[in-house]
N, C-alpha and C. Protein backbone atom coordinates (compact mmCIF):
# COMPACT_ATOMS: atom_id res chain seq x y z
N MET A 1 112.35 73.81 112.75
CA MET A 1 112.29 75.07 112.03
C MET A 1 113.71 75.58 111.75
N THR A 2 113.87 76.23 110.60
CA THR A 2 115.16 76.83 110.28
C THR A 2 115.34 78.13 111.03
N ASN A 3 116.56 78.63 111.02
CA ASN A 3 116.84 79.91 111.68
C ASN A 3 116.01 81.04 111.09
N ASP A 4 115.85 81.04 109.75
CA ASP A 4 115.04 82.08 109.10
C ASP A 4 113.59 82.01 109.55
N GLN A 5 113.05 80.81 109.66
CA GLN A 5 111.67 80.65 110.12
C GLN A 5 111.52 81.09 111.57
N ASN A 6 112.50 80.76 112.40
CA ASN A 6 112.47 81.19 113.81
C ASN A 6 112.54 82.71 113.91
N LEU A 7 113.41 83.30 113.11
CA LEU A 7 113.55 84.75 113.13
C LEU A 7 112.25 85.42 112.66
N LYS A 8 111.67 84.90 111.60
CA LYS A 8 110.40 85.44 111.11
C LYS A 8 109.34 85.37 112.20
N GLN A 9 109.22 84.24 112.87
CA GLN A 9 108.22 84.08 113.92
C GLN A 9 108.50 85.01 115.09
N SER A 10 109.76 85.19 115.43
CA SER A 10 110.11 86.11 116.53
C SER A 10 109.71 87.54 116.19
N VAL A 11 109.93 87.95 114.94
CA VAL A 11 109.54 89.30 114.53
C VAL A 11 108.02 89.43 114.53
N LEU A 12 107.31 88.42 114.03
CA LEU A 12 105.85 88.44 114.06
C LEU A 12 105.33 88.55 115.49
N ASP A 13 105.95 87.80 116.39
CA ASP A 13 105.55 87.86 117.80
C ASP A 13 105.77 89.26 118.37
N GLU A 14 106.90 89.87 118.03
CA GLU A 14 107.20 91.21 118.54
C GLU A 14 106.22 92.24 117.97
N LEU A 15 105.87 92.09 116.68
CA LEU A 15 104.88 92.99 116.08
C LEU A 15 103.52 92.82 116.74
N ASN A 16 103.15 91.59 117.05
CA ASN A 16 101.88 91.34 117.74
C ASN A 16 101.88 91.93 119.15
N TRP A 17 103.03 91.96 119.78
CA TRP A 17 103.15 92.47 121.15
C TRP A 17 103.11 94.00 121.19
N GLU A 18 103.52 94.65 120.09
CA GLU A 18 103.59 96.12 120.04
C GLU A 18 102.18 96.71 120.00
N PRO A 19 101.77 97.45 121.04
CA PRO A 19 100.39 97.94 121.10
C PRO A 19 100.06 99.08 120.14
N SER A 20 101.07 99.74 119.60
CA SER A 20 100.80 100.91 118.77
C SER A 20 100.54 100.59 117.30
N ILE A 21 100.61 99.31 116.94
CA ILE A 21 100.38 98.93 115.54
C ILE A 21 99.38 97.79 115.44
N ASN A 22 98.75 97.70 114.26
CA ASN A 22 97.90 96.57 113.94
C ASN A 22 98.73 95.64 113.06
N SER A 23 99.25 94.60 113.64
CA SER A 23 100.19 93.73 112.93
C SER A 23 99.53 92.84 111.89
N ALA A 24 98.22 92.78 111.87
CA ALA A 24 97.52 91.90 110.93
C ALA A 24 97.78 92.27 109.48
N SER A 25 98.12 93.52 109.22
CA SER A 25 98.33 93.95 107.84
C SER A 25 99.82 94.08 107.49
N ILE A 26 100.69 93.50 108.32
CA ILE A 26 102.13 93.56 108.06
C ILE A 26 102.66 92.16 107.81
N GLY A 27 103.36 92.02 106.70
CA GLY A 27 103.98 90.74 106.35
C GLY A 27 105.46 90.77 106.70
N VAL A 28 106.02 89.60 106.97
CA VAL A 28 107.43 89.49 107.38
C VAL A 28 108.09 88.35 106.61
N THR A 29 109.28 88.63 106.08
CA THR A 29 110.14 87.58 105.56
C THR A 29 111.50 87.75 106.21
N ALA A 30 112.26 86.65 106.30
CA ALA A 30 113.58 86.71 106.92
C ALA A 30 114.54 85.82 106.15
N LYS A 31 115.74 86.35 105.93
CA LYS A 31 116.79 85.57 105.27
C LYS A 31 118.14 86.03 105.80
N ASP A 32 118.84 85.13 106.44
CA ASP A 32 120.19 85.40 106.96
C ASP A 32 120.26 86.64 107.84
N GLY A 33 119.26 86.86 108.67
CA GLY A 33 119.26 87.98 109.59
C GLY A 33 118.68 89.27 109.03
N VAL A 34 118.35 89.27 107.74
CA VAL A 34 117.73 90.44 107.12
C VAL A 34 116.23 90.22 107.08
N VAL A 35 115.50 91.13 107.71
CA VAL A 35 114.05 91.03 107.79
C VAL A 35 113.42 92.06 106.85
N THR A 36 112.44 91.63 106.08
CA THR A 36 111.70 92.53 105.21
C THR A 36 110.28 92.64 105.73
N LEU A 37 109.84 93.89 105.94
CA LEU A 37 108.48 94.17 106.38
C LEU A 37 107.69 94.70 105.18
N THR A 38 106.52 94.13 104.93
CA THR A 38 105.67 94.57 103.83
C THR A 38 104.26 94.78 104.36
N GLY A 39 103.40 95.30 103.51
CA GLY A 39 102.01 95.51 103.89
C GLY A 39 101.69 96.98 103.98
N ASN A 40 100.68 97.30 104.79
CA ASN A 40 100.29 98.70 104.93
C ASN A 40 99.78 98.98 106.33
N VAL A 41 99.93 100.25 106.72
CA VAL A 41 99.45 100.74 108.01
C VAL A 41 98.75 102.08 107.76
N GLU A 42 98.11 102.62 108.79
CA GLU A 42 97.33 103.85 108.64
C GLU A 42 98.11 105.12 108.94
N THR A 43 99.25 105.02 109.62
CA THR A 43 100.01 106.23 109.98
C THR A 43 101.51 105.98 109.84
N PHE A 44 102.25 107.09 109.69
CA PHE A 44 103.70 106.99 109.64
C PHE A 44 104.27 106.53 110.97
N SER A 45 103.62 106.89 112.08
CA SER A 45 104.12 106.45 113.38
C SER A 45 103.99 104.93 113.53
N GLN A 46 102.95 104.34 112.95
CA GLN A 46 102.82 102.88 112.98
C GLN A 46 103.92 102.23 112.13
N LYS A 47 104.22 102.83 111.01
CA LYS A 47 105.29 102.34 110.14
C LYS A 47 106.62 102.34 110.90
N HIS A 48 106.91 103.45 111.58
CA HIS A 48 108.13 103.57 112.35
C HIS A 48 108.15 102.58 113.52
N ALA A 49 107.02 102.43 114.19
CA ALA A 49 106.94 101.50 115.32
C ALA A 49 107.18 100.06 114.87
N ALA A 50 106.70 99.70 113.69
CA ALA A 50 106.92 98.35 113.18
C ALA A 50 108.40 98.10 112.92
N GLU A 51 109.06 99.10 112.34
CA GLU A 51 110.49 98.98 112.09
C GLU A 51 111.27 98.83 113.40
N LEU A 52 110.95 99.66 114.39
CA LEU A 52 111.63 99.58 115.68
C LEU A 52 111.38 98.24 116.36
N ALA A 53 110.15 97.74 116.25
CA ALA A 53 109.83 96.44 116.85
C ALA A 53 110.68 95.33 116.23
N ALA A 54 110.82 95.36 114.92
CA ALA A 54 111.63 94.34 114.24
C ALA A 54 113.09 94.44 114.67
N LEU A 55 113.59 95.66 114.82
CA LEU A 55 114.98 95.85 115.22
C LEU A 55 115.25 95.41 116.65
N ARG A 56 114.21 95.34 117.47
CA ARG A 56 114.37 94.89 118.86
C ARG A 56 114.63 93.39 118.96
N VAL A 57 114.31 92.65 117.93
CA VAL A 57 114.42 91.19 117.98
C VAL A 57 115.88 90.77 117.84
N HIS A 58 116.29 89.91 118.75
CA HIS A 58 117.65 89.37 118.73
C HIS A 58 117.89 88.66 117.40
N ASP A 59 119.05 88.79 116.85
CA ASP A 59 119.49 88.18 115.59
C ASP A 59 119.01 88.91 114.34
N VAL A 60 118.23 89.98 114.48
CA VAL A 60 117.90 90.81 113.32
C VAL A 60 119.11 91.70 113.06
N LYS A 61 119.69 91.53 111.86
CA LYS A 61 120.87 92.31 111.49
C LYS A 61 120.50 93.56 110.71
N ALA A 62 119.41 93.49 109.95
CA ALA A 62 118.97 94.63 109.14
C ALA A 62 117.49 94.49 108.86
N VAL A 63 116.84 95.64 108.63
CA VAL A 63 115.42 95.65 108.30
C VAL A 63 115.23 96.38 106.98
N ALA A 64 114.61 95.70 106.02
CA ALA A 64 114.18 96.34 104.77
C ALA A 64 112.71 96.66 104.97
N GLU A 65 112.42 97.93 105.11
CA GLU A 65 111.06 98.36 105.44
C GLU A 65 110.35 98.80 104.17
N GLU A 66 109.36 98.02 103.77
CA GLU A 66 108.59 98.29 102.55
C GLU A 66 107.10 98.47 102.86
N ILE A 67 106.82 98.95 104.04
CA ILE A 67 105.44 99.17 104.46
C ILE A 67 104.93 100.46 103.83
N GLU A 68 103.72 100.41 103.35
CA GLU A 68 103.09 101.58 102.74
C GLU A 68 102.08 102.16 103.71
N VAL A 69 102.05 103.48 103.80
CA VAL A 69 101.07 104.16 104.64
C VAL A 69 99.84 104.43 103.78
N LYS A 70 98.72 103.87 104.18
CA LYS A 70 97.45 104.10 103.51
C LYS A 70 96.54 104.83 104.48
N LEU A 71 96.36 106.10 104.22
CA LEU A 71 95.54 106.90 105.12
C LEU A 71 94.11 106.38 105.15
N PRO A 72 93.44 106.47 106.30
CA PRO A 72 92.11 105.86 106.46
C PRO A 72 90.97 106.68 105.87
N PHE A 73 91.27 107.56 104.94
CA PHE A 73 90.21 108.33 104.30
C PHE A 73 90.53 108.48 102.82
N ASP A 74 89.53 108.86 102.05
CA ASP A 74 89.68 108.89 100.60
C ASP A 74 90.17 110.21 100.04
N VAL A 75 90.43 111.19 100.88
CA VAL A 75 90.90 112.49 100.40
C VAL A 75 92.34 112.34 99.93
N LYS A 76 92.60 112.78 98.71
CA LYS A 76 93.94 112.72 98.15
C LYS A 76 94.44 114.13 97.88
N HIS A 77 95.70 114.37 98.16
CA HIS A 77 96.32 115.66 97.90
C HIS A 77 97.52 115.44 97.01
N GLY A 78 97.76 116.38 96.10
CA GLY A 78 98.93 116.30 95.24
C GLY A 78 100.20 116.60 96.00
N ASP A 79 101.32 116.15 95.45
CA ASP A 79 102.61 116.36 96.11
C ASP A 79 102.90 117.84 96.31
N ALA A 80 102.60 118.68 95.32
CA ALA A 80 102.86 120.11 95.44
C ALA A 80 102.05 120.72 96.58
N GLU A 81 100.80 120.31 96.71
CA GLU A 81 99.94 120.81 97.78
C GLU A 81 100.46 120.38 99.15
N ILE A 82 100.92 119.15 99.26
CA ILE A 82 101.47 118.66 100.53
C ILE A 82 102.75 119.40 100.88
N ALA A 83 103.63 119.58 99.90
CA ALA A 83 104.89 120.28 100.14
C ALA A 83 104.63 121.72 100.59
N GLU A 84 103.69 122.38 99.93
CA GLU A 84 103.36 123.75 100.30
C GLU A 84 102.81 123.82 101.73
N ALA A 85 101.95 122.89 102.09
CA ALA A 85 101.40 122.86 103.44
C ALA A 85 102.50 122.63 104.48
N ALA A 86 103.45 121.76 104.17
CA ALA A 86 104.55 121.50 105.09
C ALA A 86 105.41 122.75 105.27
N LEU A 87 105.68 123.45 104.18
CA LEU A 87 106.47 124.67 104.27
C LEU A 87 105.77 125.74 105.11
N HIS A 88 104.46 125.87 104.92
CA HIS A 88 103.69 126.84 105.70
C HIS A 88 103.72 126.47 107.18
N ARG A 89 103.58 125.20 107.49
CA ARG A 89 103.60 124.75 108.88
C ARG A 89 104.95 125.03 109.52
N LEU A 90 106.03 124.76 108.79
CA LEU A 90 107.37 125.03 109.31
C LEU A 90 107.59 126.52 109.53
N ALA A 91 107.05 127.34 108.63
CA ALA A 91 107.21 128.79 108.76
C ALA A 91 106.53 129.31 110.02
N TRP A 92 105.48 128.68 110.45
CA TRP A 92 104.75 129.12 111.65
C TRP A 92 105.43 128.68 112.94
N ASP A 93 106.37 127.76 112.86
CA ASP A 93 107.04 127.25 114.07
C ASP A 93 108.27 128.10 114.36
N SER A 94 108.23 128.88 115.41
CA SER A 94 109.33 129.79 115.74
C SER A 94 110.59 129.06 116.19
N LEU A 95 110.49 127.79 116.53
CA LEU A 95 111.66 127.02 116.95
C LEU A 95 112.46 126.46 115.78
N VAL A 96 111.89 126.53 114.57
CA VAL A 96 112.57 126.02 113.38
C VAL A 96 113.16 127.21 112.63
N PRO A 97 114.50 127.29 112.52
CA PRO A 97 115.10 128.41 111.79
C PRO A 97 114.67 128.40 110.31
N LYS A 98 114.52 129.59 109.76
CA LYS A 98 114.09 129.73 108.37
C LYS A 98 115.06 129.01 107.45
N ASP A 99 114.52 128.24 106.53
CA ASP A 99 115.26 127.48 105.53
C ASP A 99 116.16 126.38 106.12
N ALA A 100 115.92 125.98 107.37
CA ALA A 100 116.72 124.93 107.99
C ALA A 100 116.27 123.54 107.58
N VAL A 101 115.02 123.44 107.12
CA VAL A 101 114.46 122.13 106.76
C VAL A 101 114.05 122.18 105.30
N LYS A 102 114.49 121.19 104.54
CA LYS A 102 114.08 121.04 103.14
C LYS A 102 113.00 119.98 103.09
N VAL A 103 111.94 120.24 102.34
CA VAL A 103 110.80 119.33 102.26
C VAL A 103 110.85 118.58 100.94
N THR A 104 110.67 117.27 101.00
CA THR A 104 110.56 116.44 99.81
C THR A 104 109.31 115.60 99.95
N VAL A 105 108.50 115.57 98.90
CA VAL A 105 107.27 114.79 98.90
C VAL A 105 107.27 113.89 97.66
N ALA A 106 106.92 112.63 97.86
CA ALA A 106 106.86 111.69 96.75
C ALA A 106 105.65 110.79 96.92
N ASP A 107 104.80 110.77 95.95
CA ASP A 107 103.62 109.89 95.96
C ASP A 107 102.72 110.10 97.17
N GLY A 108 102.54 111.35 97.55
CA GLY A 108 101.66 111.68 98.66
C GLY A 108 102.26 111.38 99.99
């Protein structure tokens, strides 16, 4: 096996070992130490966990994370509605200073 194939397999093994994600829907490619993660997961925390798992693998120099979050339900909200909800939630949190966080929403 080439180094790229070994690295890809090591990342796949690490993703399979990570209990917080379902690795079956995540694809991996590797070239010269750069790993690309593709596919989809159900939550942003799973997306983040997959990236961290890949970064834990020895010889991974960089991770290009292209995983899409596909929520497990059919309800869709527009970007404006999501941004407004985020602003309202931040306003209710007394630990977050007013106007300290800027919200950006793209494609849900």
